[in-house]
Amino acid sequence: MIISEFAKFLQQHNDEILTRKTTSLKLLPVWVKKVITKNPKNHTDKIVHKELLYCENENGDYFILGKSDSGRVLAGALIKFAASYENYTHSKWVEMTEKSFHKS
């Protein structure tokens, strides 16, 4: 359920990812911060609020920390999903690049 919400967020930014303007790993803290800084309106938001801690300093350095064992599992799952999505979009980018290269 939470991974699904993060996946929807990534899909909204798919053009940016495919054109290499950003990565899914860079978008993960953006999504977590977005969810944590708003009032929880649904079950996913409530779980993220309860299980994850997002900290950022004035330099823009950040970390995402699980508040409990289940929070650490959630943080790890989100990172693994973002990395997996990164690999998937990279292969799509390579495919698009090869197609445009062979058309020339």
Protein backbone atom coordinates (compact mmCIF):
# COMPACT_ATOMS: atom_id res chain seq x y z
CA MET A 1 0.00 0.00 0.00
CA ILE A 2 2.75 2.49 0.92
CA ILE A 3 5.01 1.30 -1.90
CA SER A 4 2.04 1.70 -4.23
CA GLU A 5 1.58 5.34 -3.18
CA PHE A 6 5.29 6.00 -3.69
CA ALA A 7 5.09 4.30 -7.11
CA LYS A 8 2.24 6.65 -8.10
CA PHE A 9 4.40 9.60 -7.09
CA LEU A 10 7.27 8.27 -9.20
CA GLN A 11 4.95 7.79 -12.18
CA GLN A 12 3.94 11.44 -11.91
CA HIS A 13 7.63 12.30 -12.37
CA ASN A 14 8.37 9.63 -14.98
CA ASP A 15 9.25 12.12 -17.74
CA GLU A 16 11.82 13.78 -15.51
CA ILE A 17 13.27 10.38 -14.60
CA LEU A 18 13.42 9.14 -18.19
CA THR A 19 15.11 12.35 -19.35
CA ARG A 20 17.62 11.94 -16.50
CA LYS A 21 16.66 15.23 -14.80
CA THR A 22 16.20 13.34 -11.54
CA THR A 23 16.21 9.82 -10.18
CA SER A 24 13.80 7.75 -8.16
CA LEU A 25 16.33 7.68 -5.31
CA LYS A 26 16.41 11.49 -5.31
CA LEU A 27 12.61 11.60 -5.34
CA LEU A 28 12.25 9.28 -2.32
CA PRO A 29 13.10 11.95 0.28
CA VAL A 30 10.93 14.45 -1.60
CA TRP A 31 7.97 12.09 -1.27
CA VAL A 32 8.65 11.23 2.38
CA LYS A 33 9.01 14.92 3.26
CA LYS A 34 5.80 15.72 1.38
CA VAL A 35 3.87 13.05 3.27
CA ILE A 36 5.34 13.87 6.68
CA THR A 37 4.87 17.65 6.45
CA LYS A 38 1.14 17.46 5.78
CA ASN A 39 -1.63 16.37 8.10
CA PRO A 40 -2.25 12.65 7.62
CA LYS A 41 -5.45 12.20 5.64
CA ASN A 42 -5.37 8.49 4.85
CA HIS A 43 -4.02 5.23 6.21
CA THR A 44 -0.78 5.48 4.21
CA ASP A 45 -0.04 8.97 5.53
CA LYS A 46 -0.71 7.83 9.11
CA ILE A 47 1.66 4.88 8.80
CA VAL A 48 4.44 7.00 7.29
CA HIS A 49 3.95 9.58 10.07
CA LYS A 50 4.11 6.89 12.74
CA GLU A 51 6.95 4.80 11.31
CA LEU A 52 9.38 7.21 9.61
CA LEU A 53 11.39 10.20 10.74
CA TYR A 54 12.66 12.69 8.16
CA CYS A 55 15.42 15.09 9.22
CA GLU A 56 17.11 17.78 7.15
CA ASN A 57 19.75 20.37 8.04
CA GLU A 58 20.25 23.87 6.64
CA ASN A 59 22.61 22.50 3.95
CA GLY A 60 19.90 20.24 2.54
CA ASP A 61 21.49 17.07 3.88
CA TYR A 62 18.84 14.64 5.08
CA PHE A 63 18.21 11.21 6.43
CA ILE A 64 15.19 8.98 6.72
CA LEU A 65 15.05 6.87 9.85
CA GLY A 66 12.66 4.15 10.95
CA LYS A 67 11.22 4.91 14.38
CA SER A 68 10.76 1.20 15.15
CA ASP A 69 11.69 -2.17 13.70
CA SER A 70 8.74 -2.00 11.31
CA GLY A 71 9.73 1.56 10.39
CA ARG A 72 13.24 0.38 9.54
CA VAL A 73 11.76 -2.37 7.37
CA LEU A 74 9.54 0.22 5.65
CA ALA A 75 12.48 2.57 5.04
CA GLY A 76 14.52 -0.31 3.61
CA ALA A 77 11.65 -1.42 1.39
CA LEU A 78 11.19 2.11 0.02
CA ILE A 79 14.90 2.40 -0.72
CA LYS A 80 14.97 -1.01 -2.42
CA PHE A 81 11.90 -0.12 -4.48
CA ALA A 82 13.43 3.22 -5.51
CA ALA A 83 16.65 1.44 -6.55
CA SER A 84 14.67 -1.16 -8.48
CA TYR A 85 12.67 1.55 -10.24
CA GLU A 86 15.95 3.30 -10.97
CA ASN A 87 17.26 0.18 -12.70
CA TYR A 88 14.01 -0.19 -14.66
CA THR A 89 13.97 3.42 -15.87
CA HIS A 90 17.66 3.27 -16.70
CA SER A 91 17.03 0.30 -19.00
CA LYS A 92 14.14 2.24 -20.60
CA TRP A 93 16.42 5.25 -21.07
CA VAL A 94 19.09 3.06 -22.69
CA GLU A 95 16.44 1.57 -24.98
CA MET A 96 15.17 5.03 -25.99
CA THR A 97 18.72 6.26 -26.56
CA GLU A 98 19.62 3.26 -28.71
CA LYS A 99 16.47 3.70 -30.81
CA SER A 100 17.20 7.36 -31.43
CA PHE A 101 20.86 6.57 -32.19
CA HIS A 102 19.92 3.93 -34.77
CA LYS A 103 17.40 6.26 -36.46
CA SER A 104 20.13 8.78 -37.21
